[in-house]
C-alpha atoms as a PDB file:
ATOM      1  CA  MET A   1       0.000   0.000   0.000  1.00  0.00           C
ATOM      2  CA  ASN A   2       1.006   3.535  -0.605  1.00  0.00           C
ATOM      3  CA  VAL A   3       1.975   5.190   2.657  1.00  0.00           C
ATOM      4  CA  LEU A   4       0.888   8.589   1.385  1.00  0.00           C
ATOM      5  CA  ASN A   5      -2.456   7.330   0.134  1.00  0.00           C
ATOM      6  CA  PRO A   6      -3.539   3.968   1.614  1.00  0.00           C
ATOM      7  CA  THR A   7      -6.283   3.466  -0.977  1.00  0.00           C
ATOM      8  CA  LYS A   8      -3.854   3.367  -3.931  1.00  0.00           C
ATOM      9  CA  PRO A   9      -1.259   0.637  -4.440  1.00  0.00           C
ATOM     10  CA  TYR A  10       2.399   1.624  -4.362  1.00  0.00           C
ATOM     11  CA  TYR A  11       4.596   0.693  -7.313  1.00  0.00           C
ATOM     12  CA  GLU A  12       8.351   0.994  -7.239  1.00  0.00           C
ATOM     13  CA  GLU A  13      10.404   1.228 -10.413  1.00  0.00           C
ATOM     14  CA  VAL A  14      13.375  -1.111 -10.413  1.00  0.00           C
ATOM     15  CA  GLU A  15      16.041  -1.346 -13.098  1.00  0.00           C
ATOM     16  CA  VAL A  16      17.013  -4.924 -13.881  1.00  0.00           C
ATOM     17  CA  LEU A  17      19.482  -5.997 -16.521  1.00  0.00           C
ATOM     18  CA  LEU A  18      18.202  -8.468 -19.101  1.00  0.00           C
ATOM     19  CA  GLU A  19      21.134 -10.754 -18.317  1.00  0.00           C
ATOM     20  CA  GLU A  20      20.036 -10.921 -14.668  1.00  0.00           C
ATOM     21  CA  LEU A  21      16.509 -11.899 -15.669  1.00  0.00           C
ATOM     22  CA  LEU A  22      17.788 -14.594 -18.018  1.00  0.00           C
ATOM     23  CA  GLU A  23      20.077 -15.996 -15.340  1.00  0.00           C
ATOM     24  CA  GLU A  24      17.194 -16.152 -12.849  1.00  0.00           C
ATOM     25  CA  GLU A  25      14.896 -17.878 -15.325  1.00  0.00           C
ATOM     26  CA  GLY A  26      17.594 -20.095 -16.772  1.00  0.00           C
ATOM     27  CA  LEU A  27      18.381 -20.648 -20.402  1.00  0.00           C
ATOM     28  CA  ASP A  28      17.485 -23.629 -22.562  1.00  0.00           C
ATOM     29  CA  LEU A  29      19.810 -25.778 -24.644  1.00  0.00           C
ATOM     30  CA  VAL A  30      17.682 -26.554 -27.693  1.00  0.00           C
ATOM     31  CA  VAL A  31      18.469 -29.353 -30.154  1.00  0.00           C
ATOM     32  CA  TYR A  32      16.944 -29.249 -33.645  1.00  0.00           C
ATOM     33  CA  ASN A  33      15.780 -31.973 -35.996  1.00  0.00           C
ATOM     34  CA  ASP A  34      17.623 -32.746 -39.207  1.00  0.00           C
ATOM     35  CA  GLU A  35      17.526 -35.378 -41.907  1.00  0.00           C
ATOM     36  CA  VAL A  36      21.138 -36.480 -41.383  1.00  0.00           C
ATOM     37  CA  ASN A  37      21.640 -37.825 -37.856  1.00  0.00           C
ATOM     38  CA  THR A  38      20.239 -41.165 -36.711  1.00  0.00           C
ATOM     39  CA  PHE A  39      18.162 -41.637 -33.582  1.00  0.00           C
ATOM     40  CA  ASP A  40      20.950 -43.681 -32.023  1.00  0.00           C
ATOM     41  CA  HIS A  41      23.537 -40.968 -32.657  1.00  0.00           C
ATOM     42  CA  VAL A  42      21.373 -38.239 -31.086  1.00  0.00           C
ATOM     43  CA  ILE A  43      20.504 -40.487 -28.122  1.00  0.00           C
ATOM     44  CA  ASN A  44      24.158 -41.332 -27.504  1.00  0.00           C
ATOM     45  CA  VAL A  45      25.231 -37.677 -27.725  1.00  0.00           C
ATOM     46  CA  LEU A  46      22.525 -36.576 -25.277  1.00  0.00           C
ATOM     47  CA  MET A  47      23.530 -39.323 -22.860  1.00  0.00           C
ATOM     48  CA  LYS A  48      27.205 -38.382 -23.063  1.00  0.00           C
ATOM     49  CA  VAL A  49      27.000 -34.581 -23.205  1.00  0.00           C
ATOM     50  CA  CYS A  50      23.907 -33.831 -21.113  1.00  0.00           C
ATOM     51  CA  GLU A  51      24.272 -36.882 -18.849  1.00  0.00           C
ATOM     52  CA  HIS A  52      20.722 -37.994 -19.653  1.00  0.00           C
ATOM     53  CA  ALA A  53      19.503 -41.447 -18.743  1.00  0.00           C
ATOM     54  CA  ARG A  54      18.772 -43.542 -21.834  1.00  0.00           C
ATOM     55  CA  GLU A  55      14.989 -43.113 -21.402  1.00  0.00           C
ATOM     56  CA  GLN A  56      15.292 -39.338 -21.124  1.00  0.00           C
ATOM     57  CA  ALA A  57      17.557 -39.162 -24.192  1.00  0.00           C
ATOM     58  CA  GLU A  58      15.100 -41.333 -26.144  1.00  0.00           C
ATOM     59  CA  GLN A  59      12.154 -39.122 -25.154  1.00  0.00           C
ATOM     60  CA  CYS A  60      14.038 -35.955 -26.133  1.00  0.00           C
ATOM     61  CA  THR A  61      15.002 -37.522 -29.466  1.00  0.00           C
ATOM     62  CA  LEU A  62      11.373 -38.397 -30.227  1.00  0.00           C
ATOM     63  CA  ILE A  63      10.292 -34.842 -29.380  1.00  0.00           C
ATOM     64  CA  ILE A  64      13.063 -33.473 -31.616  1.00  0.00           C
ATOM     65  CA  HIS A  65      11.903 -35.745 -34.447  1.00  0.00           C
ATOM     66  CA  TYR A  66       8.169 -34.998 -34.199  1.00  0.00           C
ATOM     67  CA  LYS A  67       8.196 -31.368 -33.005  1.00  0.00           C
ATOM     68  CA  GLY A  68      11.342 -30.208 -34.799  1.00  0.00           C
ATOM     69  CA  LYS A  69      13.195 -29.221 -31.630  1.00  0.00           C
ATOM     70  CA  CYS A  70      13.453 -29.924 -27.922  1.00  0.00           C
ATOM     71  CA  ALA A  71      14.906 -28.105 -24.914  1.00  0.00           C
ATOM     72  CA  VAL A  72      17.215 -30.839 -23.637  1.00  0.00           C
ATOM     73  CA  LYS A  73      18.816 -28.976 -20.727  1.00  0.00           C
ATOM     74  CA  LYS A  74      18.182 -25.873 -18.621  1.00  0.00           C
ATOM     75  CA  GLY A  75      20.899 -23.828 -16.937  1.00  0.00           C
ATOM     76  CA  SER A  76      23.134 -20.793 -17.062  1.00  0.00           C
ATOM     77  CA  PHE A  77      24.985 -19.759 -20.193  1.00  0.00           C
ATOM     78  CA  GLU A  78      28.275 -20.841 -18.622  1.00  0.00           C
ATOM     79  CA  GLU A  79      26.894 -24.335 -17.932  1.00  0.00           C
ATOM     80  CA  LEU A  80      25.248 -24.772 -21.324  1.00  0.00           C
ATOM     81  CA  LYS A  81      27.946 -23.352 -23.618  1.00  0.00           C
ATOM     82  CA  PRO A  82      30.346 -26.348 -23.458  1.00  0.00           C
ATOM     83  CA  MET A  83      27.402 -28.741 -23.875  1.00  0.00           C
ATOM     84  CA  CYS A  84      26.155 -26.829 -26.904  1.00  0.00           C
ATOM     85  CA  GLU A  85      29.627 -26.850 -28.454  1.00  0.00           C
ATOM     86  CA  ALA A  86      29.959 -30.610 -27.884  1.00  0.00           C
ATOM     87  CA  ILE A  87      26.580 -31.241 -29.519  1.00  0.00           C
ATOM     88  CA  LEU A  88      27.535 -29.030 -32.475  1.00  0.00           C
ATOM     89  CA  ASP A  89      30.875 -30.866 -32.756  1.00  0.00           C
ATOM     90  CA  ALA A  90      28.886 -34.116 -33.014  1.00  0.00           C
ATOM     91  CA  GLY A  91      27.143 -32.727 -36.102  1.00  0.00           C
ATOM     92  CA  ILE A  92      23.822 -31.970 -34.423  1.00  0.00           C
ATOM     93  CA  GLN A  93      22.254 -28.520 -34.611  1.00  0.00           C
ATOM     94  CA  ALA A  94      21.801 -26.843 -31.229  1.00  0.00           C
ATOM     95  CA  ASN A  95      21.445 -23.393 -29.748  1.00  0.00           C
ATOM     96  CA  ILE A  96      21.161 -21.711 -26.354  1.00  0.00           C
ATOM     97  CA  VAL A  97      17.982 -19.644 -25.984  1.00  0.00           C
END
Protein backbone atom coordinates (compact mmCIF):
# COMPACT_ATOMS: atom_id res chain seq x y z
CA MET A 1 0.00 0.00 0.00
CA ASN A 2 1.01 3.54 -0.61
CA VAL A 3 1.97 5.19 2.66
CA LEU A 4 0.89 8.59 1.39
CA ASN A 5 -2.46 7.33 0.13
CA PRO A 6 -3.54 3.97 1.61
CA THR A 7 -6.28 3.47 -0.98
CA LYS A 8 -3.85 3.37 -3.93
CA PRO A 9 -1.26 0.64 -4.44
CA TYR A 10 2.40 1.62 -4.36
CA TYR A 11 4.60 0.69 -7.31
CA GLU A 12 8.35 0.99 -7.24
CA GLU A 13 10.40 1.23 -10.41
CA VAL A 14 13.38 -1.11 -10.41
CA GLU A 15 16.04 -1.35 -13.10
CA VAL A 16 17.01 -4.92 -13.88
CA LEU A 17 19.48 -6.00 -16.52
CA LEU A 18 18.20 -8.47 -19.10
CA GLU A 19 21.13 -10.75 -18.32
CA GLU A 20 20.04 -10.92 -14.67
CA LEU A 21 16.51 -11.90 -15.67
CA LEU A 22 17.79 -14.59 -18.02
CA GLU A 23 20.08 -16.00 -15.34
CA GLU A 24 17.19 -16.15 -12.85
CA GLU A 25 14.90 -17.88 -15.32
CA GLY A 26 17.59 -20.09 -16.77
CA LEU A 27 18.38 -20.65 -20.40
CA ASP A 28 17.48 -23.63 -22.56
CA LEU A 29 19.81 -25.78 -24.64
CA VAL A 30 17.68 -26.55 -27.69
CA VAL A 31 18.47 -29.35 -30.15
CA TYR A 32 16.94 -29.25 -33.64
CA ASN A 33 15.78 -31.97 -36.00
CA ASP A 34 17.62 -32.75 -39.21
CA GLU A 35 17.53 -35.38 -41.91
CA VAL A 36 21.14 -36.48 -41.38
CA ASN A 37 21.64 -37.83 -37.86
CA THR A 38 20.24 -41.17 -36.71
CA PHE A 39 18.16 -41.64 -33.58
CA ASP A 40 20.95 -43.68 -32.02
CA HIS A 41 23.54 -40.97 -32.66
CA VAL A 42 21.37 -38.24 -31.09
CA ILE A 43 20.50 -40.49 -28.12
CA ASN A 44 24.16 -41.33 -27.50
CA VAL A 45 25.23 -37.68 -27.73
CA LEU A 46 22.53 -36.58 -25.28
CA MET A 47 23.53 -39.32 -22.86
CA LYS A 48 27.21 -38.38 -23.06
CA VAL A 49 27.00 -34.58 -23.20
CA CYS A 50 23.91 -33.83 -21.11
CA GLU A 51 24.27 -36.88 -18.85
CA HIS A 52 20.72 -37.99 -19.65
CA ALA A 53 19.50 -41.45 -18.74
CA ARG A 54 18.77 -43.54 -21.83
CA GLU A 55 14.99 -43.11 -21.40
CA GLN A 56 15.29 -39.34 -21.12
CA ALA A 57 17.56 -39.16 -24.19
CA GLU A 58 15.10 -41.33 -26.14
CA GLN A 59 12.15 -39.12 -25.15
CA CYS A 60 14.04 -35.95 -26.13
CA THR A 61 15.00 -37.52 -29.47
CA LEU A 62 11.37 -38.40 -30.23
CA ILE A 63 10.29 -34.84 -29.38
CA ILE A 64 13.06 -33.47 -31.62
CA HIS A 65 11.90 -35.75 -34.45
CA TYR A 66 8.17 -35.00 -34.20
CA LYS A 67 8.20 -31.37 -33.00
CA GLY A 68 11.34 -30.21 -34.80
CA LYS A 69 13.20 -29.22 -31.63
CA CYS A 70 13.45 -29.92 -27.92
CA ALA A 71 14.91 -28.10 -24.91
CA VAL A 72 17.21 -30.84 -23.64
CA LYS A 73 18.82 -28.98 -20.73
CA LYS A 74 18.18 -25.87 -18.62
CA GLY A 75 20.90 -23.83 -16.94
CA SER A 76 23.13 -20.79 -17.06
CA PHE A 77 24.99 -19.76 -20.19
CA GLU A 78 28.28 -20.84 -18.62
CA GLU A 79 26.89 -24.34 -17.93
CA LEU A 80 25.25 -24.77 -21.32
CA LYS A 81 27.95 -23.35 -23.62
CA PRO A 82 30.35 -26.35 -23.46
CA MET A 83 27.40 -28.74 -23.87
CA CYS A 84 26.15 -26.83 -26.90
CA GLU A 85 29.63 -26.85 -28.45
CA ALA A 86 29.96 -30.61 -27.88
CA ILE A 87 26.58 -31.24 -29.52
CA LEU A 88 27.54 -29.03 -32.48
CA ASP A 89 30.88 -30.87 -32.76
CA ALA A 90 28.89 -34.12 -33.01
CA GLY A 91 27.14 -32.73 -36.10
CA ILE A 92 23.82 -31.97 -34.42
CA GLN A 93 22.25 -28.52 -34.61
CA ALA A 94 21.80 -26.84 -31.23
CA ASN A 95 21.45 -23.39 -29.75
CA ILE A 96 21.16 -21.71 -26.35
CA VAL A 97 17.98 -19.64 -25.98
